[in-house]
């Protein structure tokens, strides 16, 4: 499938130029998924419920053309193709964080038709860790919906490497948080702070790293 001809607002405005590249439906959600590091097409499709195979393939080609992603083949025995963000694509992290903060008030109660993946709470929790002064080290998060982990240090600025990952931490985490999706949503909306949620018993914290100590001492 060839990339579509570039559509443009034809406006000499930086916001319009940005939307030329990322304004299509699904593009920023693909970026959200790729902030976890290289992903195969099948993995992306599984974690973007509702997107058709044709649309996903088209968006990925558009993003590669626009310098947001690259595609490479894994060495044997993997031998699969993966997509990953370029430096320009990783620069969209603060955009997604700001968009998520702006839209947090729209979450409300989860609808019966709403899909959910545990790692979709990664960016809101990263913001909450920063606000609590506990954005340091490897943090594992456990929800009923599943586990994910955050690299809550210098990689959280999008400069390189994954910002988060699906599943348990790859090694002993500096902090481990156990909470529920309701608390995650409250943290994302700013209705409670992470230190307050720990103090109120809504978040269980274990670990010996600086992040865990900062949250327990709060």
Foldseek 3Di string as FASTA:
>chain_A
DAADPQDFPPDPDPVRVVCSQQVDPPRVVLLLVQLQPWDALVVSPVVDPPDDSVRSVNSLNSCVVVQQKDWDADDPPRRGIIIHGDLVNLQCLVVVLVVLLVCLVVCPDPDPPDDDAPCVLVSLVLVLLVVLVQQAWKEWEDEPRAIKIANSPPCCNSRDDHGIHGHGDPDDTQKYKYAYVVVSSCSSNVVDGQLVCVVVVRIDMDHNHSSSVSSVVD
